[in-house]
Amino acid sequence: LKALSLVESMLPKEVAQSMRKNQLQPAYKYTNMSLLFADIVEFTSYCSTVQPEQVVRMLTMLFSAFDNVTGALGLYKVYTIGDAYLVTNEPRKERPDPNAKAVLRMGIAMLDLIQQVRERINH
């Protein structure tokens, strides 16, 4: 049951529901999708100047803050890998505003959160 919950948390809700009903499709078509890809500029250089624990601490603080905003805006985090963060609107989820606006709000919030984390880690 825990494994199913973990898998469902990693998939769009519609795909997870199809999987649970054993009706998984090989492909899904979505329209009106917006995507935000964020990558830390000079991340490799930063990593070479600080201890590994500091890198992990910074990424944990930053991505945890991003995750909170992602959830609050009703968006879907596709993945984080290394210093990259990919988020999109939840497919087929009804929104009071256009999907692109929520993703734009995410980008604006990310700029503020990056500054907050930079101040916390003195960078």
N, C-alpha and C. Protein backbone atom coordinates (compact mmCIF):
# COMPACT_ATOMS: atom_id res chain seq x y z
N LEU A 1 0.83 -1.19 0.00
CA LEU A 1 0.00 0.00 0.00
C LEU A 1 0.87 1.25 0.00
N LYS A 2 1.99 1.21 0.73
CA LYS A 2 2.90 2.35 0.74
C LYS A 2 3.53 2.56 -0.63
N ALA A 3 3.87 1.45 -1.30
CA ALA A 3 4.47 1.56 -2.63
C ALA A 3 3.49 2.18 -3.61
N LEU A 4 2.23 1.80 -3.54
CA LEU A 4 1.22 2.37 -4.42
C LEU A 4 1.05 3.85 -4.16
N SER A 5 1.04 4.22 -2.90
CA SER A 5 0.93 5.64 -2.54
C SER A 5 2.11 6.43 -3.09
N LEU A 6 3.30 5.87 -3.01
CA LEU A 6 4.50 6.53 -3.53
C LEU A 6 4.39 6.70 -5.05
N VAL A 7 4.00 5.65 -5.75
CA VAL A 7 3.86 5.72 -7.20
C VAL A 7 2.81 6.76 -7.58
N GLU A 8 1.69 6.78 -6.88
CA GLU A 8 0.63 7.74 -7.18
C GLU A 8 1.07 9.17 -6.94
N SER A 9 1.95 9.38 -5.98
CA SER A 9 2.43 10.74 -5.71
C SER A 9 3.37 11.24 -6.81
N MET A 10 3.90 10.32 -7.62
CA MET A 10 4.85 10.69 -8.66
C MET A 10 4.19 10.84 -10.03
N LEU A 11 2.91 10.52 -10.14
CA LEU A 11 2.23 10.56 -11.43
C LEU A 11 1.12 11.61 -11.42
N PRO A 12 0.77 12.14 -12.58
CA PRO A 12 -0.43 12.97 -12.64
C PRO A 12 -1.63 12.15 -12.14
N LYS A 13 -2.57 12.82 -11.48
CA LYS A 13 -3.70 12.12 -10.87
C LYS A 13 -4.45 11.23 -11.86
N GLU A 14 -4.69 11.74 -13.06
CA GLU A 14 -5.43 10.97 -14.06
C GLU A 14 -4.69 9.67 -14.41
N VAL A 15 -3.39 9.73 -14.56
CA VAL A 15 -2.61 8.55 -14.90
C VAL A 15 -2.62 7.56 -13.73
N ALA A 16 -2.47 8.07 -12.51
CA ALA A 16 -2.49 7.20 -11.33
C ALA A 16 -3.85 6.50 -11.20
N GLN A 17 -4.94 7.21 -11.45
CA GLN A 17 -6.27 6.60 -11.37
C GLN A 17 -6.44 5.54 -12.45
N SER A 18 -5.96 5.80 -13.66
CA SER A 18 -6.04 4.81 -14.73
C SER A 18 -5.25 3.56 -14.37
N MET A 19 -4.09 3.76 -13.77
CA MET A 19 -3.25 2.63 -13.38
C MET A 19 -3.96 1.80 -12.31
N ARG A 20 -4.55 2.48 -11.35
CA ARG A 20 -5.25 1.78 -10.26
C ARG A 20 -6.41 0.94 -10.80
N LYS A 21 -7.08 1.43 -11.85
CA LYS A 21 -8.22 0.72 -12.45
C LYS A 21 -7.77 -0.27 -13.52
N ASN A 22 -6.46 -0.42 -13.68
CA ASN A 22 -5.88 -1.28 -14.71
C ASN A 22 -6.33 -0.86 -16.11
N GLN A 23 -6.40 0.46 -16.33
CA GLN A 23 -6.80 1.01 -17.62
C GLN A 23 -5.73 1.97 -18.14
N LEU A 24 -4.49 1.68 -17.82
CA LEU A 24 -3.39 2.55 -18.23
C LEU A 24 -3.25 2.57 -19.74
N GLN A 25 -3.09 3.74 -20.30
CA GLN A 25 -2.94 3.91 -21.74
C GLN A 25 -1.45 4.09 -22.06
N PRO A 26 -1.05 3.73 -23.30
CA PRO A 26 0.37 3.92 -23.65
C PRO A 26 0.76 5.39 -23.79
N ALA A 27 -0.23 6.25 -24.03
CA ALA A 27 0.06 7.68 -24.17
C ALA A 27 -1.19 8.48 -23.81
N TYR A 28 -0.96 9.69 -23.33
CA TYR A 28 -2.05 10.59 -22.99
C TYR A 28 -1.86 11.89 -23.76
N LYS A 29 -2.95 12.46 -24.20
CA LYS A 29 -2.87 13.72 -24.93
C LYS A 29 -3.48 14.82 -24.05
N TYR A 30 -2.71 15.89 -23.88
CA TYR A 30 -3.17 17.02 -23.08
C TYR A 30 -3.02 18.29 -23.91
N THR A 31 -3.93 19.20 -23.70
CA THR A 31 -3.83 20.51 -24.34
C THR A 31 -3.73 21.57 -23.25
N ASN A 32 -3.38 22.77 -23.64
CA ASN A 32 -3.27 23.89 -22.70
C ASN A 32 -2.30 23.60 -21.56
N MET A 33 -1.18 23.06 -21.91
CA MET A 33 -0.16 22.75 -20.90
C MET A 33 0.89 23.85 -20.88
N SER A 34 1.36 24.14 -19.68
CA SER A 34 2.46 25.08 -19.50
C SER A 34 3.54 24.37 -18.71
N LEU A 35 4.78 24.68 -19.01
CA LEU A 35 5.92 23.99 -18.43
C LEU A 35 6.94 25.01 -17.97
N LEU A 36 7.50 24.80 -16.77
CA LEU A 36 8.55 25.66 -16.27
C LEU A 36 9.75 24.78 -15.93
N PHE A 37 10.88 25.10 -16.52
CA PHE A 37 12.13 24.38 -16.26
C PHE A 37 13.09 25.38 -15.63
N ALA A 38 13.57 25.07 -14.43
CA ALA A 38 14.52 25.94 -13.75
C ALA A 38 15.82 25.19 -13.51
N ASP A 39 16.90 25.87 -13.74
CA ASP A 39 18.23 25.29 -13.60
C ASP A 39 19.11 26.35 -12.95
N ILE A 40 19.94 25.96 -12.00
CA ILE A 40 20.77 26.92 -11.27
C ILE A 40 21.99 27.29 -12.10
N VAL A 41 22.12 28.58 -12.37
CA VAL A 41 23.25 29.09 -13.14
C VAL A 41 24.54 28.92 -12.32
N GLU A 42 25.59 28.43 -12.97
CA GLU A 42 26.90 28.24 -12.34
C GLU A 42 26.86 27.24 -11.17
N PHE A 43 25.97 26.28 -11.23
CA PHE A 43 25.84 25.30 -10.16
C PHE A 43 27.13 24.50 -9.98
N THR A 44 27.73 24.08 -11.06
CA THR A 44 28.97 23.29 -10.97
C THR A 44 30.07 24.10 -10.30
N SER A 45 30.19 25.36 -10.65
CA SER A 45 31.18 26.24 -10.01
C SER A 45 30.91 26.38 -8.52
N TYR A 46 29.63 26.58 -8.19
CA TYR A 46 29.24 26.70 -6.77
C TYR A 46 29.65 25.43 -6.02
N CYS A 47 29.36 24.28 -6.59
CA CYS A 47 29.68 23.00 -5.94
C CYS A 47 31.18 22.84 -5.69
N SER A 48 31.99 23.42 -6.56
CA SER A 48 33.44 23.27 -6.40
C SER A 48 34.01 24.19 -5.32
N THR A 49 33.19 25.12 -4.82
CA THR A 49 33.70 26.07 -3.82
C THR A 49 33.15 25.85 -2.42
N VAL A 50 32.21 24.90 -2.26
CA VAL A 50 31.64 24.64 -0.93
C VAL A 50 31.67 23.15 -0.64
N GLN A 51 31.44 22.81 0.61
CA GLN A 51 31.40 21.41 1.03
C GLN A 51 30.13 20.74 0.49
N PRO A 52 30.19 19.44 0.22
CA PRO A 52 29.01 18.72 -0.29
C PRO A 52 27.77 18.88 0.60
N GLU A 53 27.99 18.92 1.92
CA GLU A 53 26.87 19.08 2.84
C GLU A 53 26.16 20.41 2.62
N GLN A 54 26.92 21.44 2.27
CA GLN A 54 26.33 22.76 2.01
C GLN A 54 25.49 22.73 0.73
N VAL A 55 25.95 22.00 -0.26
CA VAL A 55 25.20 21.88 -1.51
C VAL A 55 23.86 21.18 -1.23
N VAL A 56 23.91 20.09 -0.49
CA VAL A 56 22.69 19.35 -0.17
C VAL A 56 21.75 20.22 0.66
N ARG A 57 22.28 20.94 1.61
CA ARG A 57 21.46 21.83 2.45
C ARG A 57 20.77 22.90 1.59
N MET A 58 21.52 23.51 0.70
CA MET A 58 20.98 24.55 -0.15
C MET A 58 19.88 24.00 -1.06
N LEU A 59 20.15 22.86 -1.70
CA LEU A 59 19.15 22.27 -2.59
C LEU A 59 17.90 21.83 -1.82
N THR A 60 18.09 21.29 -0.64
CA THR A 60 16.95 20.87 0.18
C THR A 60 16.09 22.07 0.55
N MET A 61 16.71 23.15 0.99
CA MET A 61 15.95 24.35 1.34
C MET A 61 15.23 24.90 0.12
N LEU A 62 15.93 25.00 -0.98
CA LEU A 62 15.37 25.60 -2.19
C LEU A 62 14.23 24.75 -2.75
N PHE A 63 14.48 23.47 -2.95
CA PHE A 63 13.47 22.62 -3.57
C PHE A 63 12.28 22.38 -2.63
N SER A 64 12.50 22.36 -1.32
CA SER A 64 11.38 22.24 -0.39
C SER A 64 10.48 23.47 -0.49
N ALA A 65 11.09 24.64 -0.59
CA ALA A 65 10.32 25.87 -0.76
C ALA A 65 9.57 25.85 -2.09
N PHE A 66 10.24 25.40 -3.15
CA PHE A 66 9.58 25.28 -4.46
C PHE A 66 8.39 24.31 -4.37
N ASP A 67 8.60 23.18 -3.69
CA ASP A 67 7.52 22.19 -3.55
C ASP A 67 6.30 22.79 -2.85
N ASN A 68 6.53 23.59 -1.83
CA ASN A 68 5.42 24.22 -1.11
C ASN A 68 4.61 25.12 -2.03
N VAL A 69 5.29 25.91 -2.84
CA VAL A 69 4.60 26.80 -3.77
C VAL A 69 3.91 26.00 -4.87
N THR A 70 4.57 24.97 -5.35
CA THR A 70 3.97 24.10 -6.37
C THR A 70 2.63 23.57 -5.88
N GLY A 71 2.60 23.06 -4.67
CA GLY A 71 1.36 22.54 -4.09
C GLY A 71 0.32 23.63 -3.90
N ALA A 72 0.75 24.76 -3.38
CA ALA A 72 -0.19 25.86 -3.12
C ALA A 72 -0.83 26.38 -4.41
N LEU A 73 -0.10 26.33 -5.51
CA LEU A 73 -0.62 26.81 -6.78
C LEU A 73 -1.35 25.72 -7.57
N GLY A 74 -1.39 24.51 -7.03
CA GLY A 74 -2.07 23.41 -7.73
C GLY A 74 -1.33 22.93 -8.94
N LEU A 75 0.00 23.05 -8.92
CA LEU A 75 0.82 22.60 -10.04
C LEU A 75 1.33 21.20 -9.76
N TYR A 76 2.03 20.63 -10.73
CA TYR A 76 2.55 19.27 -10.63
C TYR A 76 4.06 19.29 -10.87
N LYS A 77 4.82 18.83 -9.88
CA LYS A 77 6.27 18.74 -10.06
C LYS A 77 6.56 17.47 -10.84
N VAL A 78 7.14 17.63 -12.01
CA VAL A 78 7.48 16.49 -12.84
C VAL A 78 8.70 15.79 -12.26
N TYR A 79 9.75 16.56 -11.96
CA TYR A 79 10.94 15.98 -11.34
C TYR A 79 11.90 17.05 -10.89
N THR A 80 12.82 16.61 -10.03
CA THR A 80 14.04 17.37 -9.74
C THR A 80 15.17 16.40 -10.01
N ILE A 81 16.19 16.89 -10.65
CA ILE A 81 17.38 16.08 -10.88
C ILE A 81 18.57 17.02 -10.84
N GLY A 82 19.48 16.70 -9.94
CA GLY A 82 20.62 17.61 -9.75
C GLY A 82 20.13 18.96 -9.32
N ASP A 83 20.42 19.97 -10.11
CA ASP A 83 19.98 21.33 -9.79
C ASP A 83 18.81 21.78 -10.66
N ALA A 84 18.16 20.85 -11.33
CA ALA A 84 17.05 21.19 -12.22
C ALA A 84 15.71 20.87 -11.56
N TYR A 85 14.74 21.75 -11.82
CA TYR A 85 13.39 21.61 -11.26
C TYR A 85 12.41 21.81 -12.41
N LEU A 86 11.54 20.83 -12.62
CA LEU A 86 10.58 20.88 -13.72
C LEU A 86 9.17 20.78 -13.15
N VAL A 87 8.32 21.76 -13.49
CA VAL A 87 6.95 21.80 -12.99
C VAL A 87 6.01 22.14 -14.15
N THR A 88 4.79 21.63 -14.06
CA THR A 88 3.77 21.90 -15.07
C THR A 88 2.42 22.01 -14.38
N ASN A 89 1.43 22.48 -15.12
CA ASN A 89 0.10 22.47 -14.56
C ASN A 89 -0.41 21.03 -14.53
N GLU A 90 -1.32 20.76 -13.62
CA GLU A 90 -1.90 19.42 -13.49
C GLU A 90 -2.83 19.19 -14.68
N PRO A 91 -2.59 18.16 -15.46
CA PRO A 91 -3.45 17.93 -16.63
C PRO A 91 -4.91 17.78 -16.25
N ARG A 92 -5.75 18.44 -17.01
CA ARG A 92 -7.21 18.35 -16.89
C ARG A 92 -7.75 18.83 -15.55
N LYS A 93 -6.98 19.55 -14.79
CA LYS A 93 -7.46 20.09 -13.51
C LYS A 93 -8.12 21.44 -13.78
N GLU A 94 -9.33 21.60 -13.28
CA GLU A 94 -10.02 22.87 -13.46
C GLU A 94 -9.32 23.94 -12.63
N ARG A 95 -9.13 25.10 -13.25
CA ARG A 95 -8.43 26.20 -12.57
C ARG A 95 -9.26 27.47 -12.70
N PRO A 96 -9.20 28.30 -11.68
CA PRO A 96 -9.92 29.57 -11.78
C PRO A 96 -9.25 30.55 -12.74
N ASP A 97 -7.98 30.33 -13.04
CA ASP A 97 -7.26 31.19 -13.97
C ASP A 97 -6.55 30.30 -15.00
N PRO A 98 -6.13 30.86 -16.10
CA PRO A 98 -5.44 30.04 -17.10
C PRO A 98 -4.19 29.36 -16.53
N ASN A 99 -3.90 28.18 -17.05
CA ASN A 99 -2.75 27.40 -16.58
C ASN A 99 -1.44 28.17 -16.65
N ALA A 100 -1.27 28.93 -17.70
CA ALA A 100 -0.02 29.66 -17.87
C ALA A 100 0.18 30.68 -16.74
N LYS A 101 -0.90 31.24 -16.22
CA LYS A 101 -0.76 32.21 -15.13
C LYS A 101 -0.23 31.56 -13.86
N ALA A 102 -0.68 30.36 -13.57
CA ALA A 102 -0.19 29.66 -12.38
C ALA A 102 1.30 29.35 -12.52
N VAL A 103 1.70 28.93 -13.69
CA VAL A 103 3.12 28.63 -13.93
C VAL A 103 3.94 29.91 -13.87
N LEU A 104 3.40 30.99 -14.39
CA LEU A 104 4.07 32.30 -14.29
C LEU A 104 4.22 32.71 -12.83
N ARG A 105 3.16 32.53 -12.05
CA ARG A 105 3.24 32.84 -10.61
C ARG A 105 4.33 32.01 -9.93
N MET A 106 4.45 30.77 -10.36
CA MET A 106 5.49 29.90 -9.82
C MET A 106 6.87 30.47 -10.11
N GLY A 107 7.09 30.89 -11.33
CA GLY A 107 8.38 31.47 -11.71
C GLY A 107 8.71 32.71 -10.90
N ILE A 108 7.73 33.56 -10.70
CA ILE A 108 7.94 34.78 -9.92
C ILE A 108 8.25 34.42 -8.46
N ALA A 109 7.51 33.46 -7.91
CA ALA A 109 7.76 33.02 -6.53
C ALA A 109 9.15 32.41 -6.40
N MET A 110 9.58 31.68 -7.43
CA MET A 110 10.91 31.06 -7.40
C MET A 110 12.00 32.12 -7.27
N LEU A 111 11.85 33.22 -7.97
CA LEU A 111 12.86 34.29 -7.88
C LEU A 111 12.98 34.80 -6.45
N ASP A 112 11.85 34.98 -5.80
CA ASP A 112 11.85 35.44 -4.41
C ASP A 112 12.45 34.38 -3.48
N LEU A 113 12.08 33.14 -3.68
CA LEU A 113 12.58 32.05 -2.84
C LEU A 113 14.09 31.86 -3.01
N ILE A 114 14.57 32.02 -4.22
CA ILE A 114 16.02 31.91 -4.46
C ILE A 114 16.76 32.96 -3.64
N GLN A 115 16.25 34.18 -3.64
CA GLN A 115 16.88 35.25 -2.87
C GLN A 115 16.83 34.93 -1.38
N GLN A 116 15.72 34.42 -0.89
CA GLN A 116 15.61 34.07 0.53
C GLN A 116 16.62 32.99 0.92
N VAL A 117 16.75 31.97 0.08
CA VAL A 117 17.70 30.89 0.38
C VAL A 117 19.12 31.43 0.31
N ARG A 118 19.41 32.26 -0.66
CA ARG A 118 20.76 32.85 -0.76
C ARG A 118 21.11 33.61 0.52
N GLU A 119 20.16 34.36 1.05
CA GLU A 119 20.40 35.10 2.29
C GLU A 119 20.60 34.16 3.46
N ARG A 120 19.85 33.07 3.50
CA ARG A 120 19.97 32.12 4.62
C ARG A 120 21.31 31.39 4.60
N ILE A 121 21.85 31.14 3.41
CA ILE A 121 23.12 30.40 3.35
C ILE A 121 24.31 31.34 3.17
N ASN A 122 24.04 32.65 3.20
CA ASN A 122 25.10 33.67 3.05
C ASN A 122 25.87 33.51 1.76
N HIS A 123 25.15 33.42 0.66
CA HIS A 123 25.82 33.30 -0.65
C HIS A 123 25.41 34.45 -1.53
